[in-house]
């Protein structure tokens, strides 16, 4: 289904993220620090910090490391100040790419991102050049075989915007970002555990790439994701064999 995250693609992305677990702690720490600096160090009143702490648990980041970085961000300890920057560009076949970074040095970060794009066949774009092709939303994806009827009933009652059944049997639940937590908790309370649950930039339309183009696109994405300052990479390529 064009524009809908195919199960194979999602599993592929999840697998690649799992391979890069070494970098996961760094990314989570930066997210915790920015969330705490912007919204305060109280997890109960800061939804973004709550999500960051959940991510920290998922990658087994020690609790004292979480607390220390919240303290740094809220001024109780001396620490580095990270700022968020988003870059946009084009990959192979005109695929749209969004790169979210957290950095303490803008000049270094933009140079590294631009170099990765140009070296592997992409192009950096201007601000807003591709973002309109994505929707900022909560996304929960369930494996093929999950009860569509049950997911739909619980999700919509909890405030989800849409439930999409994929051709491959996967089920995708979309929410407005503020409703994400409530929908996720309602589903999990009914024993419906998503394979992927995140607030993301979801591509509205997909570009299918295969063969050499698919390989080139994957190399470009890997090069960008491997940069130290990169937190997240979103794209609309469906990468086939």
C-alpha atoms as a PDB file:
ATOM      1  CA  UNK A   1       0.000   0.000   0.000  1.00  0.00           C
ATOM      2  CA  UNK A   2       1.690   3.190  -1.161  1.00  0.00           C
ATOM      3  CA  UNK A   3       2.200   5.606   1.673  1.00  0.00           C
ATOM      4  CA  UNK A   4       1.606   2.985   4.356  1.00  0.00           C
ATOM      5  CA  UNK A   5       4.537   1.577   6.297  1.00  0.00           C
ATOM      6  CA  UNK A   6       4.956  -1.973   5.079  1.00  0.00           C
ATOM      7  CA  UNK A   7       5.731  -4.539   7.735  1.00  0.00           C
ATOM      8  CA  UNK A   8       8.944  -5.693   6.056  1.00  0.00           C
ATOM      9  CA  UNK A   9      10.214  -2.117   5.860  1.00  0.00           C
ATOM     10  CA  UNK A  10       9.399  -1.459   9.492  1.00  0.00           C
ATOM     11  CA  UNK A  11      11.079  -4.670  10.639  1.00  0.00           C
ATOM     12  CA  UNK A  12      14.107  -3.813   8.506  1.00  0.00           C
ATOM     13  CA  UNK A  13      14.375  -0.361  10.098  1.00  0.00           C
ATOM     14  CA  UNK A  14      13.914  -1.772  13.598  1.00  0.00           C
ATOM     15  CA  UNK A  15      16.605  -4.373  12.944  1.00  0.00           C
ATOM     16  CA  UNK A  16      19.075  -1.750  11.797  1.00  0.00           C
ATOM     17  CA  UNK A  17      18.356   0.355  14.868  1.00  0.00           C
ATOM     18  CA  UNK A  18      18.954  -2.685  17.085  1.00  0.00           C
ATOM     19  CA  UNK A  19      22.325  -3.205  15.385  1.00  0.00           C
ATOM     20  CA  UNK A  20      23.305   0.309  16.438  1.00  0.00           C
ATOM     21  CA  UNK A  21      22.530  -0.128  20.130  1.00  0.00           C
ATOM     22  CA  UNK A  22      25.945   1.318  21.035  1.00  0.00           C
ATOM     23  CA  UNK A  23      24.746   4.684  19.808  1.00  0.00           C
ATOM     24  CA  UNK A  24      21.306   4.351  21.399  1.00  0.00           C
ATOM     25  CA  UNK A  25      22.445   5.480  24.860  1.00  0.00           C
ATOM     26  CA  UNK A  26      23.991   8.664  23.482  1.00  0.00           C
ATOM     27  CA  UNK A  27      20.819   9.503  21.566  1.00  0.00           C
ATOM     28  CA  UNK A  28      18.557   8.850  24.535  1.00  0.00           C
ATOM     29  CA  UNK A  29      20.739  10.936  26.870  1.00  0.00           C
ATOM     30  CA  UNK A  30      20.575  13.881  24.488  1.00  0.00           C
ATOM     31  CA  UNK A  31      16.806  13.523  24.164  1.00  0.00           C
ATOM     32  CA  UNK A  32      16.448  13.433  27.971  1.00  0.00           C
ATOM     33  CA  UNK A  33      18.584  16.566  28.339  1.00  0.00           C
ATOM     34  CA  UNK A  34      16.710  18.584  25.717  1.00  0.00           C
ATOM     35  CA  UNK A  35      13.301  17.450  27.017  1.00  0.00           C
ATOM     36  CA  UNK A  36      14.236  18.346  30.605  1.00  0.00           C
ATOM     37  CA  UNK A  37      15.702  21.704  29.614  1.00  0.00           C
ATOM     38  CA  UNK A  38      12.601  22.677  27.620  1.00  0.00           C
ATOM     39  CA  UNK A  39       9.877  21.255  29.869  1.00  0.00           C
ATOM     40  CA  UNK A  40      11.477  20.844  33.309  1.00  0.00           C
ATOM     41  CA  UNK A  41      12.785  17.817  35.161  1.00  0.00           C
ATOM     42  CA  UNK A  42       9.467  16.538  36.537  1.00  0.00           C
ATOM     43  CA  UNK A  43       8.535  13.410  34.573  1.00  0.00           C
ATOM     44  CA  UNK A  44       4.887  13.614  35.700  1.00  0.00           C
ATOM     45  CA  UNK A  45       4.332  17.052  34.132  1.00  0.00           C
ATOM     46  CA  UNK A  46       6.626  16.726  31.088  1.00  0.00           C
ATOM     47  CA  UNK A  47       5.244  14.307  28.428  1.00  0.00           C
ATOM     48  CA  UNK A  48       8.313  14.577  26.208  1.00  0.00           C
ATOM     49  CA  UNK A  49      10.580  13.691  29.130  1.00  0.00           C
ATOM     50  CA  UNK A  50       8.310  10.729  29.988  1.00  0.00           C
ATOM     51  CA  UNK A  51       8.733   9.351  26.468  1.00  0.00           C
ATOM     52  CA  UNK A  52      12.502   9.881  26.645  1.00  0.00           C
ATOM     53  CA  UNK A  53      12.695   8.029  29.972  1.00  0.00           C
ATOM     54  CA  UNK A  54      10.645   5.158  28.453  1.00  0.00           C
ATOM     55  CA  UNK A  55      13.154   4.994  25.594  1.00  0.00           C
ATOM     56  CA  UNK A  56      15.953   4.927  28.189  1.00  0.00           C
ATOM     57  CA  UNK A  57      14.354   1.917  29.896  1.00  0.00           C
ATOM     58  CA  UNK A  58      13.966   0.158  26.540  1.00  0.00           C
ATOM     59  CA  UNK A  59      17.728   0.402  25.905  1.00  0.00           C
ATOM     60  CA  UNK A  60      18.637  -0.432  29.538  1.00  0.00           C
ATOM     61  CA  UNK A  61      20.143   2.965  30.351  1.00  0.00           C
ATOM     62  CA  UNK A  62      20.934   2.982  34.103  1.00  0.00           C
ATOM     63  CA  UNK A  63      18.495   4.944  36.283  1.00  0.00           C
ATOM     64  CA  UNK A  64      21.250   7.031  37.873  1.00  0.00           C
ATOM     65  CA  UNK A  65      22.465   8.068  34.399  1.00  0.00           C
ATOM     66  CA  UNK A  66      18.925   9.227  33.576  1.00  0.00           C
ATOM     67  CA  UNK A  67      18.717  11.245  36.800  1.00  0.00           C
ATOM     68  CA  UNK A  68      22.183  12.767  36.361  1.00  0.00           C
ATOM     69  CA  UNK A  69      21.356  14.006  32.874  1.00  0.00           C
ATOM     70  CA  UNK A  70      18.013  15.461  33.967  1.00  0.00           C
ATOM     71  CA  UNK A  71      19.920  17.331  36.691  1.00  0.00           C
ATOM     72  CA  UNK A  72      22.469  18.579  34.168  1.00  0.00           C
ATOM     73  CA  UNK A  73      19.757  19.844  31.840  1.00  0.00           C
ATOM     74  CA  UNK A  74      17.812  21.634  34.567  1.00  0.00           C
ATOM     75  CA  UNK A  75      20.882  23.422  35.911  1.00  0.00           C
ATOM     76  CA  UNK A  76      21.549  21.312  39.002  1.00  0.00           C
ATOM     77  CA  UNK A  77      24.785  20.022  37.468  1.00  0.00           C
ATOM     78  CA  UNK A  78      27.124  21.557  34.937  1.00  0.00           C
ATOM     79  CA  UNK A  79      26.657  20.039  31.498  1.00  0.00           C
ATOM     80  CA  UNK A  80      26.687  20.596  27.754  1.00  0.00           C
ATOM     81  CA  UNK A  81      23.820  22.476  26.132  1.00  0.00           C
ATOM     82  CA  UNK A  82      22.392  20.688  23.124  1.00  0.00           C
ATOM     83  CA  UNK A  83      20.129  22.365  20.599  1.00  0.00           C
ATOM     84  CA  UNK A  84      17.779  20.719  18.118  1.00  0.00           C
ATOM     85  CA  UNK A  85      18.236  21.253  14.396  1.00  0.00           C
ATOM     86  CA  UNK A  86      16.353  19.702  11.480  1.00  0.00           C
ATOM     87  CA  UNK A  87      17.810  19.261   8.002  1.00  0.00           C
ATOM     88  CA  UNK A  88      15.885  18.227   4.900  1.00  0.00           C
ATOM     89  CA  UNK A  89      17.025  16.766   1.637  1.00  0.00           C
ATOM     90  CA  UNK A  90      16.603  14.291  -1.187  1.00  0.00           C
ATOM     91  CA  UNK A  91      17.961  10.796  -1.589  1.00  0.00           C
ATOM     92  CA  UNK A  92      18.072   8.360  -4.492  1.00  0.00           C
ATOM     93  CA  UNK A  93      15.154   8.644  -6.923  1.00  0.00           C
ATOM     94  CA  UNK A  94      14.017  11.881  -5.304  1.00  0.00           C
ATOM     95  CA  UNK A  95      13.111  10.179  -2.012  1.00  0.00           C
ATOM     96  CA  UNK A  96      12.456  12.708   0.755  1.00  0.00           C
ATOM     97  CA  UNK A  97      14.683  12.640   3.874  1.00  0.00           C
ATOM     98  CA  UNK A  98      14.366  14.489   7.181  1.00  0.00           C
ATOM     99  CA  UNK A  99      17.356  14.471   9.552  1.00  0.00           C
ATOM    100  CA  UNK A 100      16.800  15.493  13.177  1.00  0.00           C
ATOM    101  CA  UNK A 101      19.969  16.377  15.085  1.00  0.00           C
ATOM    102  CA  UNK A 102      20.958  17.428  18.578  1.00  0.00           C
ATOM    103  CA  UNK A 103      24.249  19.260  18.706  1.00  0.00           C
ATOM    104  CA  UNK A 104      26.517  21.528  20.712  1.00  0.00           C
ATOM    105  CA  UNK A 105      28.160  22.737  17.479  1.00  0.00           C
ATOM    106  CA  UNK A 106      25.941  23.718  14.534  1.00  0.00           C
ATOM    107  CA  UNK A 107      28.830  24.339  12.153  1.00  0.00           C
ATOM    108  CA  UNK A 108      30.236  20.822  12.622  1.00  0.00           C
ATOM    109  CA  UNK A 109      26.823  19.185  12.309  1.00  0.00           C
ATOM    110  CA  UNK A 110      25.696  20.866   9.084  1.00  0.00           C
ATOM    111  CA  UNK A 111      29.076  20.139   7.474  1.00  0.00           C
ATOM    112  CA  UNK A 112      28.858  16.441   8.385  1.00  0.00           C
ATOM    113  CA  UNK A 113      25.249  16.063   7.217  1.00  0.00           C
ATOM    114  CA  UNK A 114      25.934  17.901   3.939  1.00  0.00           C
ATOM    115  CA  UNK A 115      29.020  15.737   3.312  1.00  0.00           C
ATOM    116  CA  UNK A 116      27.028  12.502   3.854  1.00  0.00           C
ATOM    117  CA  UNK A 117      24.311  13.638   1.427  1.00  0.00           C
ATOM    118  CA  UNK A 118      26.751  14.651  -1.307  1.00  0.00           C
ATOM    119  CA  UNK A 119      29.079  11.653  -0.924  1.00  0.00           C
ATOM    120  CA  UNK A 120      26.283   9.094  -1.282  1.00  0.00           C
ATOM    121  CA  UNK A 121      24.219  10.625  -4.077  1.00  0.00           C
ATOM    122  CA  UNK A 122      21.763  12.813  -2.180  1.00  0.00           C
ATOM    123  CA  UNK A 123      21.187  16.561  -1.970  1.00  0.00           C
ATOM    124  CA  UNK A 124      20.594  18.823   0.996  1.00  0.00           C
ATOM    125  CA  UNK A 125      17.450  20.900   0.559  1.00  0.00           C
ATOM    126  CA  UNK A 126      16.227  24.110   2.140  1.00  0.00           C
ATOM    127  CA  UNK A 127      14.049  24.279   5.236  1.00  0.00           C
ATOM    128  CA  UNK A 128      10.525  23.090   4.387  1.00  0.00           C
ATOM    129  CA  UNK A 129      11.581  21.498   1.088  1.00  0.00           C
ATOM    130  CA  UNK A 130      10.370  18.001   2.037  1.00  0.00           C
ATOM    131  CA  UNK A 131       8.698  18.318   5.464  1.00  0.00           C
ATOM    132  CA  UNK A 132       5.278  18.867   3.845  1.00  0.00           C
ATOM    133  CA  UNK A 133       5.448  15.245   2.635  1.00  0.00           C
ATOM    134  CA  UNK A 134       5.377  13.977   6.238  1.00  0.00           C
ATOM    135  CA  UNK A 135       2.860  14.069   9.074  1.00  0.00           C
ATOM    136  CA  UNK A 136       3.953  14.593  12.686  1.00  0.00           C
ATOM    137  CA  UNK A 137       2.007  11.947  14.586  1.00  0.00           C
ATOM    138  CA  UNK A 138       2.048   9.085  17.040  1.00  0.00           C
ATOM    139  CA  UNK A 139       2.468   5.712  15.316  1.00  0.00           C
ATOM    140  CA  UNK A 140       1.872   2.263  16.795  1.00  0.00           C
ATOM    141  CA  UNK A 141       2.442  -0.765  14.578  1.00  0.00           C
ATOM    142  CA  UNK A 142       1.166  -4.259  15.381  1.00  0.00           C
ATOM    143  CA  UNK A 143       2.438  -7.494  13.866  1.00  0.00           C
ATOM    144  CA  UNK A 144       0.411  -9.425  11.300  1.00  0.00           C
ATOM    145  CA  UNK A 145      -2.059 -11.689  13.093  1.00  0.00           C
ATOM    146  CA  UNK A 146      -3.110  -9.112  15.691  1.00  0.00           C
ATOM    147  CA  UNK A 147      -6.895  -8.674  15.970  1.00  0.00           C
ATOM    148  CA  UNK A 148      -7.768  -5.664  13.829  1.00  0.00           C
ATOM    149  CA  UNK A 149     -11.216  -5.432  15.391  1.00  0.00           C
ATOM    150  CA  UNK A 150      -9.831  -5.307  18.934  1.00  0.00           C
ATOM    151  CA  UNK A 151      -7.094  -2.799  18.073  1.00  0.00           C
ATOM    152  CA  UNK A 152      -9.606  -0.558  16.306  1.00  0.00           C
ATOM    153  CA  UNK A 153     -12.116  -0.656  19.154  1.00  0.00           C
ATOM    154  CA  UNK A 154      -9.567   0.146  21.888  1.00  0.00           C
ATOM    155  CA  UNK A 155      -7.553   2.674  19.877  1.00  0.00           C
ATOM    156  CA  UNK A 156     -10.459   4.760  18.632  1.00  0.00           C
ATOM    157  CA  UNK A 157     -12.091   4.802  22.058  1.00  0.00           C
ATOM    158  CA  UNK A 158      -8.797   6.041  23.548  1.00  0.00           C
ATOM    159  CA  UNK A 159      -8.573   8.906  21.045  1.00  0.00           C
ATOM    160  CA  UNK A 160      -6.664   7.563  18.021  1.00  0.00           C
ATOM    161  CA  UNK A 161      -7.162   9.354  14.704  1.00  0.00           C
ATOM    162  CA  UNK A 162      -6.953   6.368  12.377  1.00  0.00           C
ATOM    163  CA  UNK A 163      -6.399   2.614  12.213  1.00  0.00           C
ATOM    164  CA  UNK A 164      -4.929   1.253   8.969  1.00  0.00           C
ATOM    165  CA  UNK A 165      -4.797  -2.416   8.014  1.00  0.00           C
ATOM    166  CA  UNK A 166      -1.858  -3.246   5.750  1.00  0.00           C
ATOM    167  CA  UNK A 167      -2.003  -5.676   2.819  1.00  0.00           C
ATOM    168  CA  UNK A 168       0.487  -7.795   4.762  1.00  0.00           C
ATOM    169  CA  UNK A 169      -1.767  -8.127   7.835  1.00  0.00           C
ATOM    170  CA  UNK A 170       0.026  -5.518   9.946  1.00  0.00           C
ATOM    171  CA  UNK A 171      -2.053  -2.877  11.727  1.00  0.00           C
ATOM    172  CA  UNK A 172      -1.022   0.730  12.122  1.00  0.00           C
ATOM    173  CA  UNK A 173      -2.594   3.117  14.620  1.00  0.00           C
ATOM    174  CA  UNK A 174      -2.125   6.859  14.140  1.00  0.00           C
ATOM    175  CA  UNK A 175      -2.678   9.483  16.824  1.00  0.00           C
ATOM    176  CA  UNK A 176      -2.165  13.187  17.327  1.00  0.00           C
ATOM    177  CA  UNK A 177       1.134  13.574  19.255  1.00  0.00           C
ATOM    178  CA  UNK A 178      -0.577  14.681  22.526  1.00  0.00           C
ATOM    179  CA  UNK A 179      -2.851  11.584  22.458  1.00  0.00           C
ATOM    180  CA  UNK A 180      -0.030   9.095  21.853  1.00  0.00           C
ATOM    181  CA  UNK A 181       0.603   8.116  25.475  1.00  0.00           C
ATOM    182  CA  UNK A 182      -3.077   7.616  26.326  1.00  0.00           C
ATOM    183  CA  UNK A 183      -3.677   5.431  23.255  1.00  0.00           C
ATOM    184  CA  UNK A 184      -0.514   3.374  23.871  1.00  0.00           C
ATOM    185  CA  UNK A 185      -1.429   2.742  27.512  1.00  0.00           C
ATOM    186  CA  UNK A 186      -5.027   1.817  26.630  1.00  0.00           C
ATOM    187  CA  UNK A 187      -3.839  -0.739  24.054  1.00  0.00           C
ATOM    188  CA  UNK A 188      -1.197  -2.238  26.353  1.00  0.00           C
ATOM    189  CA  UNK A 189      -3.748  -2.497  29.181  1.00  0.00           C
ATOM    190  CA  UNK A 190      -5.748  -4.817  26.892  1.00  0.00           C
ATOM    191  CA  UNK A 191      -2.678  -6.925  26.158  1.00  0.00           C
ATOM    192  CA  UNK A 192      -2.114  -5.365  22.731  1.00  0.00           C
ATOM    193  CA  UNK A 193       1.617  -4.661  22.590  1.00  0.00           C
ATOM    194  CA  UNK A 194       2.880  -2.785  19.528  1.00  0.00           C
ATOM    195  CA  UNK A 195       6.139  -3.768  17.848  1.00  0.00           C
ATOM    196  CA  UNK A 196       6.885  -0.109  17.258  1.00  0.00           C
ATOM    197  CA  UNK A 197       5.474   2.806  19.239  1.00  0.00           C
ATOM    198  CA  UNK A 198       6.832   6.291  18.670  1.00  0.00           C
ATOM    199  CA  UNK A 199       6.013   9.893  17.914  1.00  0.00           C
ATOM    200  CA  UNK A 200       7.419  10.233  14.432  1.00  0.00           C
ATOM    201  CA  UNK A 201       7.373  11.984  11.075  1.00  0.00           C
ATOM    202  CA  UNK A 202       5.319   9.592   8.938  1.00  0.00           C
ATOM    203  CA  UNK A 203       5.655   9.768   5.168  1.00  0.00           C
ATOM    204  CA  UNK A 204       2.346  10.531   3.427  1.00  0.00           C
ATOM    205  CA  UNK A 205       3.446   8.892   0.160  1.00  0.00           C
ATOM    206  CA  UNK A 206       6.109   6.281  -0.487  1.00  0.00           C
ATOM    207  CA  UNK A 207       8.707   6.011  -3.241  1.00  0.00           C
ATOM    208  CA  UNK A 208       9.555   2.395  -4.022  1.00  0.00           C
ATOM    209  CA  UNK A 209      13.212   1.630  -4.684  1.00  0.00           C
ATOM    210  CA  UNK A 210      14.669  -1.700  -5.767  1.00  0.00           C
ATOM    211  CA  UNK A 211      17.973  -3.174  -6.916  1.00  0.00           C
ATOM    212  CA  UNK A 212      20.887  -0.764  -7.244  1.00  0.00           C
ATOM    213  CA  UNK A 213      18.774   2.262  -6.237  1.00  0.00           C
ATOM    214  CA  UNK A 214      17.669   0.510  -3.045  1.00  0.00           C
ATOM    215  CA  UNK A 215      21.288  -0.331  -2.144  1.00  0.00           C
ATOM    216  CA  UNK A 216      22.459   3.225  -2.825  1.00  0.00           C
ATOM    217  CA  UNK A 217      19.646   4.649  -0.718  1.00  0.00           C
ATOM    218  CA  UNK A 218      20.487   2.318   2.170  1.00  0.00           C
ATOM    219  CA  UNK A 219      24.144   3.412   2.028  1.00  0.00           C
ATOM    220  CA  UNK A 220      23.066   7.059   2.163  1.00  0.00           C
ATOM    221  CA  UNK A 221      20.747   6.436   5.130  1.00  0.00           C
ATOM    222  CA  UNK A 222      23.436   4.451   6.978  1.00  0.00           C
ATOM    223  CA  UNK A 223      25.975   7.236   6.448  1.00  0.00           C
ATOM    224  CA  UNK A 224      23.571   9.838   7.863  1.00  0.00           C
ATOM    225  CA  UNK A 225      22.434   7.659  10.784  1.00  0.00           C
ATOM    226  CA  UNK A 226      26.043   6.944  11.761  1.00  0.00           C
ATOM    227  CA  UNK A 227      26.805  10.639  12.361  1.00  0.00           C
ATOM    228  CA  UNK A 228      27.266  11.382  16.061  1.00  0.00           C
ATOM    229  CA  UNK A 229      24.848  14.337  16.157  1.00  0.00           C
ATOM    230  CA  UNK A 230      21.976  12.597  14.339  1.00  0.00           C
ATOM    231  CA  UNK A 231      19.032  11.573  16.535  1.00  0.00           C
ATOM    232  CA  UNK A 232      16.470  10.436  13.958  1.00  0.00           C
ATOM    233  CA  UNK A 233      16.189   9.958  10.215  1.00  0.00           C
ATOM    234  CA  UNK A 234      12.783   9.864   8.505  1.00  0.00           C
ATOM    235  CA  UNK A 235      12.289   9.088   4.820  1.00  0.00           C
ATOM    236  CA  UNK A 236       9.632   7.999   2.340  1.00  0.00           C
ATOM    237  CA  UNK A 237      11.598   5.282   0.548  1.00  0.00           C
ATOM    238  CA  UNK A 238      10.299   1.725   0.565  1.00  0.00           C
ATOM    239  CA  UNK A 239      13.477  -0.236   0.089  1.00  0.00           C
ATOM    240  CA  UNK A 240      13.057  -3.532  -1.747  1.00  0.00           C
ATOM    241  CA  UNK A 241      15.521  -6.191  -2.726  1.00  0.00           C
END
